[in-house]
């Protein structure tokens, strides 16, 4: 068996196109475009790349982009004050504070300051609670993007056995909740799970989000499994060049799985596309408009 690649770039492009098609109706109804504010603190190179990509995607979708770039000397009180001002800004429908934040700033305190209805990252405890109890709310972009890839590939997920390797609040836990909503039988595993190969080997759907390069071996997988690899591990070789590896041993897994996301080009593009989707959904909810169909 040779796994079919799951093309995250194509799925992301299609989602971004649907968002762009829906934005004019919101603008016509409200007299303005939906607005996304992104806050970057410090000089982390990867964060600067991510923020630039998010700003470009926002403009391409026809939405208003508000970027706030702050020095690494910014205090927590100053950052919280900015978030509170964005909460009150009627032109802003979504707020994203780029992580990681510099040392000395409490990530949780900042995230908890964001208005849950503008929390397009889906990290606020209110949105986590809404997801857990089955209420509508903004869902973390990466796991929602993973779910969209799975639906696109498999259709109805009901009854399938899903294993999520990873227990973070950003990916692992919300991913498990989303799969439960789809009527999967869900197991959450992690790097300290006993008999991890046996647990992984039960999966019809495997979502790897543990942050350890190639922790999950191809020999562990059940034939025909669908693999979503969230891992983005940057390794520098002896030649000084950096390469990206997922959490799954890709070459061996591709010989066993029916479908698998590559790294890069799989989950990553979906994260920004879902951010655009979440911003439009948040804008519609705040305006009392129905959410656009197909998002």
C-alpha atoms as a PDB file:
ATOM      1  CA  UNK A   1       0.000   0.000   0.000  1.00  0.00           C
ATOM      2  CA  UNK A   2       1.204   3.494  -0.820  1.00  0.00           C
ATOM      3  CA  UNK A   3      -0.550   6.307   1.021  1.00  0.00           C
ATOM      4  CA  UNK A   4      -2.289   9.066  -0.894  1.00  0.00           C
ATOM      5  CA  UNK A   5      -0.942  12.487   0.133  1.00  0.00           C
ATOM      6  CA  UNK A   6      -3.456  14.776   1.820  1.00  0.00           C
ATOM      7  CA  UNK A   7      -2.907  18.134   0.124  1.00  0.00           C
ATOM      8  CA  UNK A   8      -3.277  20.752   2.827  1.00  0.00           C
ATOM      9  CA  UNK A   9      -2.292  23.546   0.469  1.00  0.00           C
ATOM     10  CA  UNK A  10      -5.154  22.788  -1.915  1.00  0.00           C
ATOM     11  CA  UNK A  11      -7.712  22.428   0.893  1.00  0.00           C
ATOM     12  CA  UNK A  12      -6.499  25.663   2.481  1.00  0.00           C
ATOM     13  CA  UNK A  13      -6.702  27.534  -0.827  1.00  0.00           C
ATOM     14  CA  UNK A  14     -10.275  26.337  -1.317  1.00  0.00           C
ATOM     15  CA  UNK A  15     -11.277  27.447   2.201  1.00  0.00           C
ATOM     16  CA  UNK A  16      -9.638  30.848   1.783  1.00  0.00           C
ATOM     17  CA  UNK A  17     -11.480  31.288  -1.520  1.00  0.00           C
ATOM     18  CA  UNK A  18     -14.813  30.527   0.178  1.00  0.00           C
ATOM     19  CA  UNK A  19     -14.035  33.081   2.891  1.00  0.00           C
ATOM     20  CA  UNK A  20     -13.131  35.722   0.281  1.00  0.00           C
ATOM     21  CA  UNK A  21     -16.387  35.031  -1.575  1.00  0.00           C
ATOM     22  CA  UNK A  22     -18.415  35.545   1.630  1.00  0.00           C
ATOM     23  CA  UNK A  23     -16.713  38.736   2.841  1.00  0.00           C
ATOM     24  CA  UNK A  24     -18.502  41.154   0.422  1.00  0.00           C
ATOM     25  CA  UNK A  25     -21.925  40.186   1.809  1.00  0.00           C
ATOM     26  CA  UNK A  26     -20.774  41.084   5.327  1.00  0.00           C
ATOM     27  CA  UNK A  27     -19.253  44.335   4.102  1.00  0.00           C
ATOM     28  CA  UNK A  28     -22.465  45.262   2.280  1.00  0.00           C
ATOM     29  CA  UNK A  29     -24.563  44.579   5.372  1.00  0.00           C
ATOM     30  CA  UNK A  30     -22.276  46.323   7.889  1.00  0.00           C
ATOM     31  CA  UNK A  31     -20.572  49.023   5.829  1.00  0.00           C
ATOM     32  CA  UNK A  32     -17.125  47.719   6.684  1.00  0.00           C
ATOM     33  CA  UNK A  33     -14.954  44.658   6.201  1.00  0.00           C
ATOM     34  CA  UNK A  34     -14.315  42.148   9.006  1.00  0.00           C
ATOM     35  CA  UNK A  35     -11.185  43.098  10.946  1.00  0.00           C
ATOM     36  CA  UNK A  36      -8.375  40.977  12.389  1.00  0.00           C
ATOM     37  CA  UNK A  37      -5.871  42.435  14.847  1.00  0.00           C
ATOM     38  CA  UNK A  38      -2.589  40.568  15.302  1.00  0.00           C
ATOM     39  CA  UNK A  39      -0.278  41.500  18.157  1.00  0.00           C
ATOM     40  CA  UNK A  40       3.427  40.599  18.007  1.00  0.00           C
ATOM     41  CA  UNK A  41       5.754  41.217  20.930  1.00  0.00           C
ATOM     42  CA  UNK A  42       9.514  40.889  20.510  1.00  0.00           C
ATOM     43  CA  UNK A  43      11.821  39.822  17.706  1.00  0.00           C
ATOM     44  CA  UNK A  44      11.286  36.063  17.397  1.00  0.00           C
ATOM     45  CA  UNK A  45      12.095  35.364  13.700  1.00  0.00           C
ATOM     46  CA  UNK A  46       9.522  32.585  13.257  1.00  0.00           C
ATOM     47  CA  UNK A  47       6.810  34.746  14.822  1.00  0.00           C
ATOM     48  CA  UNK A  48       7.591  37.580  12.402  1.00  0.00           C
ATOM     49  CA  UNK A  49       7.173  35.186   9.467  1.00  0.00           C
ATOM     50  CA  UNK A  50       3.860  33.889  10.823  1.00  0.00           C
ATOM     51  CA  UNK A  51       2.505  37.389  11.447  1.00  0.00           C
ATOM     52  CA  UNK A  52       3.485  38.530   7.964  1.00  0.00           C
ATOM     53  CA  UNK A  53       1.728  35.502   6.451  1.00  0.00           C
ATOM     54  CA  UNK A  54      -1.406  36.129   8.492  1.00  0.00           C
ATOM     55  CA  UNK A  55      -1.527  39.776   7.507  1.00  0.00           C
ATOM     56  CA  UNK A  56      -1.131  38.921   3.826  1.00  0.00           C
ATOM     57  CA  UNK A  57      -3.882  36.288   4.004  1.00  0.00           C
ATOM     58  CA  UNK A  58      -6.214  38.743   5.750  1.00  0.00           C
ATOM     59  CA  UNK A  59      -5.818  41.374   3.039  1.00  0.00           C
ATOM     60  CA  UNK A  60      -6.176  38.777   0.265  1.00  0.00           C
ATOM     61  CA  UNK A  61      -9.500  37.709   1.814  1.00  0.00           C
ATOM     62  CA  UNK A  62     -10.759  41.287   1.612  1.00  0.00           C
ATOM     63  CA  UNK A  63     -10.629  41.849   5.357  1.00  0.00           C
ATOM     64  CA  UNK A  64      -9.011  44.630   7.367  1.00  0.00           C
ATOM     65  CA  UNK A  65      -5.642  43.807   8.900  1.00  0.00           C
ATOM     66  CA  UNK A  66      -4.470  45.617  12.041  1.00  0.00           C
ATOM     67  CA  UNK A  67      -0.899  44.744  13.055  1.00  0.00           C
ATOM     68  CA  UNK A  68       0.572  45.817  16.384  1.00  0.00           C
ATOM     69  CA  UNK A  69       4.303  45.175  16.673  1.00  0.00           C
ATOM     70  CA  UNK A  70       5.669  45.814  20.151  1.00  0.00           C
ATOM     71  CA  UNK A  71       9.269  45.711  21.428  1.00  0.00           C
ATOM     72  CA  UNK A  72      10.455  42.935  23.706  1.00  0.00           C
ATOM     73  CA  UNK A  73      10.639  45.511  26.507  1.00  0.00           C
ATOM     74  CA  UNK A  74       6.817  45.651  26.543  1.00  0.00           C
ATOM     75  CA  UNK A  75       5.420  44.888  29.992  1.00  0.00           C
ATOM     76  CA  UNK A  76       2.523  42.593  30.709  1.00  0.00           C
ATOM     77  CA  UNK A  77       0.413  45.544  31.863  1.00  0.00           C
ATOM     78  CA  UNK A  78       1.087  47.366  28.577  1.00  0.00           C
ATOM     79  CA  UNK A  79       0.138  44.303  26.553  1.00  0.00           C
ATOM     80  CA  UNK A  80      -3.029  43.712  28.560  1.00  0.00           C
ATOM     81  CA  UNK A  81      -3.999  47.376  28.077  1.00  0.00           C
ATOM     82  CA  UNK A  82      -3.625  46.991  24.291  1.00  0.00           C
ATOM     83  CA  UNK A  83      -5.778  43.849  24.273  1.00  0.00           C
ATOM     84  CA  UNK A  84      -8.448  45.618  26.320  1.00  0.00           C
ATOM     85  CA  UNK A  85      -8.441  48.490  23.808  1.00  0.00           C
ATOM     86  CA  UNK A  86      -8.855  46.014  20.943  1.00  0.00           C
ATOM     87  CA  UNK A  87     -11.743  44.391  22.808  1.00  0.00           C
ATOM     88  CA  UNK A  88     -13.503  47.763  22.712  1.00  0.00           C
ATOM     89  CA  UNK A  89     -12.646  48.544  19.081  1.00  0.00           C
ATOM     90  CA  UNK A  90     -15.750  47.948  16.936  1.00  0.00           C
ATOM     91  CA  UNK A  91     -13.619  47.645  13.777  1.00  0.00           C
ATOM     92  CA  UNK A  92     -11.860  44.608  15.248  1.00  0.00           C
ATOM     93  CA  UNK A  93     -13.700  41.276  15.102  1.00  0.00           C
ATOM     94  CA  UNK A  94     -10.787  38.982  15.861  1.00  0.00           C
ATOM     95  CA  UNK A  95      -7.763  39.319  18.148  1.00  0.00           C
ATOM     96  CA  UNK A  96      -4.685  37.117  17.926  1.00  0.00           C
ATOM     97  CA  UNK A  97      -1.701  37.517  20.231  1.00  0.00           C
ATOM     98  CA  UNK A  98       1.226  35.707  18.616  1.00  0.00           C
ATOM     99  CA  UNK A  99       2.890  33.140  20.876  1.00  0.00           C
ATOM    100  CA  UNK A 100       5.414  32.644  22.343  1.00  0.00           C
ATOM    101  CA  UNK A 101       5.572  35.847  24.343  1.00  0.00           C
ATOM    102  CA  UNK A 102       8.832  37.138  25.843  1.00  0.00           C
ATOM    103  CA  UNK A 103       9.937  35.936  29.249  1.00  0.00           C
ATOM    104  CA  UNK A 104       8.186  37.727  32.075  1.00  0.00           C
ATOM    105  CA  UNK A 105       4.784  37.898  30.375  1.00  0.00           C
ATOM    106  CA  UNK A 106       2.145  35.391  31.475  1.00  0.00           C
ATOM    107  CA  UNK A 107       0.618  33.908  28.309  1.00  0.00           C
ATOM    108  CA  UNK A 108      -2.519  32.768  30.122  1.00  0.00           C
ATOM    109  CA  UNK A 109      -3.177  36.155  31.696  1.00  0.00           C
ATOM    110  CA  UNK A 110      -2.973  37.817  28.289  1.00  0.00           C
ATOM    111  CA  UNK A 111      -5.168  35.230  26.551  1.00  0.00           C
ATOM    112  CA  UNK A 112      -7.733  35.446  29.346  1.00  0.00           C
ATOM    113  CA  UNK A 113      -7.977  39.194  28.687  1.00  0.00           C
ATOM    114  CA  UNK A 114      -9.183  38.658  25.102  1.00  0.00           C
ATOM    115  CA  UNK A 115     -12.946  38.940  24.603  1.00  0.00           C
ATOM    116  CA  UNK A 116     -13.992  35.282  24.004  1.00  0.00           C
ATOM    117  CA  UNK A 117     -16.143  36.393  21.070  1.00  0.00           C
ATOM    118  CA  UNK A 118     -13.022  37.880  19.423  1.00  0.00           C
ATOM    119  CA  UNK A 119     -10.741  34.988  20.390  1.00  0.00           C
ATOM    120  CA  UNK A 120     -10.116  33.699  16.844  1.00  0.00           C
ATOM    121  CA  UNK A 121      -7.290  31.462  18.088  1.00  0.00           C
ATOM    122  CA  UNK A 122      -9.834  29.601  20.236  1.00  0.00           C
ATOM    123  CA  UNK A 123      -7.481  29.556  23.238  1.00  0.00           C
ATOM    124  CA  UNK A 124      -9.678  31.331  25.803  1.00  0.00           C
ATOM    125  CA  UNK A 125     -10.992  29.115  28.606  1.00  0.00           C
ATOM    126  CA  UNK A 126     -14.557  30.124  27.695  1.00  0.00           C
ATOM    127  CA  UNK A 127     -14.154  28.818  24.158  1.00  0.00           C
ATOM    128  CA  UNK A 128     -12.455  25.665  25.433  1.00  0.00           C
ATOM    129  CA  UNK A 129     -15.457  25.159  27.707  1.00  0.00           C
ATOM    130  CA  UNK A 130     -17.929  25.778  24.907  1.00  0.00           C
ATOM    131  CA  UNK A 131     -16.211  23.104  22.836  1.00  0.00           C
ATOM    132  CA  UNK A 132     -16.162  20.654  25.736  1.00  0.00           C
ATOM    133  CA  UNK A 133     -19.906  20.920  26.383  1.00  0.00           C
ATOM    134  CA  UNK A 134     -20.917  21.049  22.727  1.00  0.00           C
ATOM    135  CA  UNK A 135     -21.862  24.714  22.451  1.00  0.00           C
ATOM    136  CA  UNK A 136     -21.014  26.946  19.505  1.00  0.00           C
ATOM    137  CA  UNK A 137     -17.808  28.891  19.903  1.00  0.00           C
ATOM    138  CA  UNK A 138     -14.501  29.704  18.265  1.00  0.00           C
ATOM    139  CA  UNK A 139     -12.310  26.610  17.923  1.00  0.00           C
ATOM    140  CA  UNK A 140      -8.519  26.482  17.849  1.00  0.00           C
ATOM    141  CA  UNK A 141      -7.389  26.822  14.235  1.00  0.00           C
ATOM    142  CA  UNK A 142      -5.040  23.856  13.887  1.00  0.00           C
ATOM    143  CA  UNK A 143      -7.357  21.120  15.203  1.00  0.00           C
ATOM    144  CA  UNK A 144     -10.310  22.519  13.258  1.00  0.00           C
ATOM    145  CA  UNK A 145      -8.143  22.487  10.140  1.00  0.00           C
ATOM    146  CA  UNK A 146      -7.215  18.855  10.854  1.00  0.00           C
ATOM    147  CA  UNK A 147     -10.896  17.972  11.150  1.00  0.00           C
ATOM    148  CA  UNK A 148     -11.635  19.626   7.806  1.00  0.00           C
ATOM    149  CA  UNK A 149      -8.880  17.564   6.172  1.00  0.00           C
ATOM    150  CA  UNK A 150     -10.326  14.383   7.665  1.00  0.00           C
ATOM    151  CA  UNK A 151     -13.850  15.192   6.525  1.00  0.00           C
ATOM    152  CA  UNK A 152     -12.598  15.992   3.045  1.00  0.00           C
ATOM    153  CA  UNK A 153     -10.773  12.665   2.871  1.00  0.00           C
ATOM    154  CA  UNK A 154     -13.154  10.316   4.709  1.00  0.00           C
ATOM    155  CA  UNK A 155     -16.576  11.968   4.755  1.00  0.00           C
ATOM    156  CA  UNK A 156     -18.543  10.620   7.727  1.00  0.00           C
ATOM    157  CA  UNK A 157     -16.176   9.881  10.625  1.00  0.00           C
ATOM    158  CA  UNK A 158     -18.796   8.253  12.841  1.00  0.00           C
ATOM    159  CA  UNK A 159     -17.761   4.984  14.482  1.00  0.00           C
ATOM    160  CA  UNK A 160     -14.084   5.226  13.555  1.00  0.00           C
ATOM    161  CA  UNK A 161     -11.444   4.718  16.230  1.00  0.00           C
ATOM    162  CA  UNK A 162      -9.322   7.850  16.548  1.00  0.00           C
ATOM    163  CA  UNK A 163      -6.074   8.168  18.474  1.00  0.00           C
ATOM    164  CA  UNK A 164      -4.699  11.626  19.261  1.00  0.00           C
ATOM    165  CA  UNK A 165      -1.068  11.576  20.368  1.00  0.00           C
ATOM    166  CA  UNK A 166      -0.590  14.841  22.248  1.00  0.00           C
ATOM    167  CA  UNK A 167      -2.458  16.529  25.081  1.00  0.00           C
ATOM    168  CA  UNK A 168      -1.809  20.248  24.656  1.00  0.00           C
ATOM    169  CA  UNK A 169      -4.554  22.809  25.129  1.00  0.00           C
ATOM    170  CA  UNK A 170      -3.798  24.156  21.650  1.00  0.00           C
ATOM    171  CA  UNK A 171      -4.058  20.941  19.596  1.00  0.00           C
ATOM    172  CA  UNK A 172      -4.412  17.641  21.440  1.00  0.00           C
ATOM    173  CA  UNK A 173      -7.344  18.316  23.761  1.00  0.00           C
ATOM    174  CA  UNK A 174      -9.507  20.319  21.311  1.00  0.00           C
ATOM    175  CA  UNK A 175      -8.742  17.763  18.581  1.00  0.00           C
ATOM    176  CA  UNK A 176     -10.105  14.998  20.774  1.00  0.00           C
ATOM    177  CA  UNK A 177     -13.228  17.034  21.537  1.00  0.00           C
ATOM    178  CA  UNK A 178     -13.844  17.690  17.842  1.00  0.00           C
ATOM    179  CA  UNK A 179     -13.497  14.000  17.013  1.00  0.00           C
ATOM    180  CA  UNK A 180     -15.932  13.121  19.793  1.00  0.00           C
ATOM    181  CA  UNK A 181     -18.407  15.521  18.178  1.00  0.00           C
ATOM    182  CA  UNK A 182     -17.987  13.509  14.979  1.00  0.00           C
ATOM    183  CA  UNK A 183     -18.978  10.319  16.863  1.00  0.00           C
ATOM    184  CA  UNK A 184     -15.502   8.803  16.810  1.00  0.00           C
ATOM    185  CA  UNK A 185     -14.254   6.585  19.605  1.00  0.00           C
ATOM    186  CA  UNK A 186     -11.347   8.678  20.881  1.00  0.00           C
ATOM    187  CA  UNK A 187      -8.187   7.848  22.811  1.00  0.00           C
ATOM    188  CA  UNK A 188      -5.776  10.573  23.937  1.00  0.00           C
ATOM    189  CA  UNK A 189      -2.208   9.299  24.200  1.00  0.00           C
ATOM    190  CA  UNK A 190       1.106  11.070  24.747  1.00  0.00           C
ATOM    191  CA  UNK A 191       4.834  10.528  25.057  1.00  0.00           C
ATOM    192  CA  UNK A 192       4.445   8.795  28.436  1.00  0.00           C
ATOM    193  CA  UNK A 193       1.648   6.449  27.410  1.00  0.00           C
ATOM    194  CA  UNK A 194       2.475   2.843  28.244  1.00  0.00           C
ATOM    195  CA  UNK A 195       2.493   0.535  25.229  1.00  0.00           C
ATOM    196  CA  UNK A 196       2.176   3.507  22.885  1.00  0.00           C
ATOM    197  CA  UNK A 197       2.746   1.319  19.790  1.00  0.00           C
ATOM    198  CA  UNK A 198      -0.239  -0.848  20.753  1.00  0.00           C
ATOM    199  CA  UNK A 199      -2.467   2.192  21.312  1.00  0.00           C
ATOM    200  CA  UNK A 200      -1.433   3.766  18.008  1.00  0.00           C
ATOM    201  CA  UNK A 201      -1.954   0.447  16.240  1.00  0.00           C
ATOM    202  CA  UNK A 202      -5.710   0.517  16.985  1.00  0.00           C
ATOM    203  CA  UNK A 203      -6.312   3.769  15.140  1.00  0.00           C
ATOM    204  CA  UNK A 204      -8.410   4.192  12.018  1.00  0.00           C
ATOM    205  CA  UNK A 205      -7.521   7.892  12.366  1.00  0.00           C
ATOM    206  CA  UNK A 206      -4.224   8.994  13.871  1.00  0.00           C
ATOM    207  CA  UNK A 207      -3.532  12.625  14.759  1.00  0.00           C
ATOM    208  CA  UNK A 208       0.073  13.134  15.859  1.00  0.00           C
ATOM    209  CA  UNK A 209       0.673  16.337  17.815  1.00  0.00           C
ATOM    210  CA  UNK A 210       3.300  15.470  20.382  1.00  0.00           C
ATOM    211  CA  UNK A 211       6.206  17.621  19.158  1.00  0.00           C
ATOM    212  CA  UNK A 212       8.846  14.899  18.925  1.00  0.00           C
ATOM    213  CA  UNK A 213      10.383  14.179  15.521  1.00  0.00           C
ATOM    214  CA  UNK A 214       9.365  10.794  14.123  1.00  0.00           C
ATOM    215  CA  UNK A 215       8.310   9.495  17.523  1.00  0.00           C
ATOM    216  CA  UNK A 216       5.597   7.428  15.843  1.00  0.00           C
ATOM    217  CA  UNK A 217       7.040   4.667  13.722  1.00  0.00           C
ATOM    218  CA  UNK A 218       5.521   3.355  10.544  1.00  0.00           C
ATOM    219  CA  UNK A 219       5.636  -0.204  11.880  1.00  0.00           C
ATOM    220  CA  UNK A 220       3.165   0.738  14.625  1.00  0.00           C
ATOM    221  CA  UNK A 221       0.364   1.684  12.234  1.00  0.00           C
ATOM    222  CA  UNK A 222      -2.735  -0.268  11.346  1.00  0.00           C
ATOM    223  CA  UNK A 223      -2.935  -0.862   7.576  1.00  0.00           C
ATOM    224  CA  UNK A 224      -5.253   1.650   5.947  1.00  0.00           C
ATOM    225  CA  UNK A 225      -5.071   4.255   8.737  1.00  0.00           C
ATOM    226  CA  UNK A 226      -5.496   7.942   7.867  1.00  0.00           C
ATOM    227  CA  UNK A 227      -2.632   9.955   9.382  1.00  0.00           C
ATOM    228  CA  UNK A 228      -2.726  13.658  10.219  1.00  0.00           C
ATOM    229  CA  UNK A 229       0.761  14.776  11.261  1.00  0.00           C
ATOM    230  CA  UNK A 230       0.710  18.116  13.093  1.00  0.00           C
ATOM    231  CA  UNK A 231       4.406  17.976  14.003  1.00  0.00           C
ATOM    232  CA  UNK A 232       6.689  20.752  12.754  1.00  0.00           C
ATOM    233  CA  UNK A 233      10.096  19.882  14.172  1.00  0.00           C
ATOM    234  CA  UNK A 234      13.023  21.926  12.837  1.00  0.00           C
ATOM    235  CA  UNK A 235      16.275  19.977  12.824  1.00  0.00           C
ATOM    236  CA  UNK A 236      19.696  21.197  11.714  1.00  0.00           C
ATOM    237  CA  UNK A 237      21.831  18.637   9.927  1.00  0.00           C
ATOM    238  CA  UNK A 238      25.606  18.279   9.881  1.00  0.00           C
ATOM    239  CA  UNK A 239      25.628  20.395   6.719  1.00  0.00           C
ATOM    240  CA  UNK A 240      24.040  23.273   8.649  1.00  0.00           C
ATOM    241  CA  UNK A 241      20.806  23.104   6.691  1.00  0.00           C
ATOM    242  CA  UNK A 242      17.480  23.097   8.498  1.00  0.00           C
ATOM    243  CA  UNK A 243      14.765  20.624   7.600  1.00  0.00           C
ATOM    244  CA  UNK A 244      11.279  19.973   8.889  1.00  0.00           C
ATOM    245  CA  UNK A 245      10.231  16.616  10.261  1.00  0.00           C
ATOM    246  CA  UNK A 246       6.822  15.570  11.469  1.00  0.00           C
ATOM    247  CA  UNK A 247       5.978  13.491  14.516  1.00  0.00           C
ATOM    248  CA  UNK A 248       5.460  10.435  12.276  1.00  0.00           C
ATOM    249  CA  UNK A 249       8.135   8.464  10.425  1.00  0.00           C
ATOM    250  CA  UNK A 250       6.802   9.556   7.061  1.00  0.00           C
ATOM    251  CA  UNK A 251       8.427   7.173   4.571  1.00  0.00           C
ATOM    252  CA  UNK A 252       7.580   4.044   6.555  1.00  0.00           C
ATOM    253  CA  UNK A 253       4.101   5.301   7.459  1.00  0.00           C
ATOM    254  CA  UNK A 254       3.320   6.025   3.819  1.00  0.00           C
ATOM    255  CA  UNK A 255       3.816   2.334   3.039  1.00  0.00           C
ATOM    256  CA  UNK A 256       1.080   1.352   5.527  1.00  0.00           C
ATOM    257  CA  UNK A 257      -1.425   4.213   5.685  1.00  0.00           C
ATOM    258  CA  UNK A 258      -4.172   4.894   3.162  1.00  0.00           C
ATOM    259  CA  UNK A 259      -3.578   8.652   3.378  1.00  0.00           C
ATOM    260  CA  UNK A 260      -1.138  10.929   5.174  1.00  0.00           C
ATOM    261  CA  UNK A 261      -0.350  14.631   5.458  1.00  0.00           C
ATOM    262  CA  UNK A 262       3.160  15.622   4.373  1.00  0.00           C
ATOM    263  CA  UNK A 263       5.367  17.926   6.441  1.00  0.00           C
ATOM    264  CA  UNK A 264       5.454  20.654   5.257  1.00  0.00           C
ATOM    265  CA  UNK A 265       2.392  21.173   3.071  1.00  0.00           C
ATOM    266  CA  UNK A 266      -0.169  19.323   5.125  1.00  0.00           C
ATOM    267  CA  UNK A 267      -1.657  20.818   8.279  1.00  0.00           C
ATOM    268  CA  UNK A 268       0.291  24.098   8.284  1.00  0.00           C
ATOM    269  CA  UNK A 269      -1.550  25.888   5.462  1.00  0.00           C
ATOM    270  CA  UNK A 270      -4.888  24.961   7.039  1.00  0.00           C
ATOM    271  CA  UNK A 271      -4.091  26.837  10.238  1.00  0.00           C
ATOM    272  CA  UNK A 272      -3.999  30.250   8.523  1.00  0.00           C
ATOM    273  CA  UNK A 273      -7.009  29.400   6.354  1.00  0.00           C
ATOM    274  CA  UNK A 274      -9.059  28.524   9.436  1.00  0.00           C
ATOM    275  CA  UNK A 275      -7.916  31.761  11.078  1.00  0.00           C
ATOM    276  CA  UNK A 276      -9.508  33.629   8.160  1.00  0.00           C
ATOM    277  CA  UNK A 277     -12.642  31.519   8.558  1.00  0.00           C
ATOM    278  CA  UNK A 278     -12.783  32.149  12.315  1.00  0.00           C
ATOM    279  CA  UNK A 279     -12.429  35.911  11.801  1.00  0.00           C
ATOM    280  CA  UNK A 280     -15.382  36.003   9.414  1.00  0.00           C
ATOM    281  CA  UNK A 281     -17.481  33.734  11.649  1.00  0.00           C
ATOM    282  CA  UNK A 282     -16.672  35.943  14.669  1.00  0.00           C
ATOM    283  CA  UNK A 283     -17.597  39.075  12.706  1.00  0.00           C
ATOM    284  CA  UNK A 284     -20.949  37.611  11.674  1.00  0.00           C
ATOM    285  CA  UNK A 285     -21.741  36.473  15.210  1.00  0.00           C
ATOM    286  CA  UNK A 286     -20.930  39.899  16.660  1.00  0.00           C
ATOM    287  CA  UNK A 287     -23.116  41.556  14.028  1.00  0.00           C
ATOM    288  CA  UNK A 288     -26.020  39.173  14.589  1.00  0.00           C
ATOM    289  CA  UNK A 289     -25.695  37.776  11.065  1.00  0.00           C
ATOM    290  CA  UNK A 290     -25.961  34.066  10.216  1.00  0.00           C
ATOM    291  CA  UNK A 291     -22.623  32.361   9.573  1.00  0.00           C
ATOM    292  CA  UNK A 292     -21.812  31.951   5.888  1.00  0.00           C
ATOM    293  CA  UNK A 293     -22.641  28.548   4.437  1.00  0.00           C
ATOM    294  CA  UNK A 294     -19.798  26.199   3.614  1.00  0.00           C
ATOM    295  CA  UNK A 295     -17.443  27.420   6.368  1.00  0.00           C
END
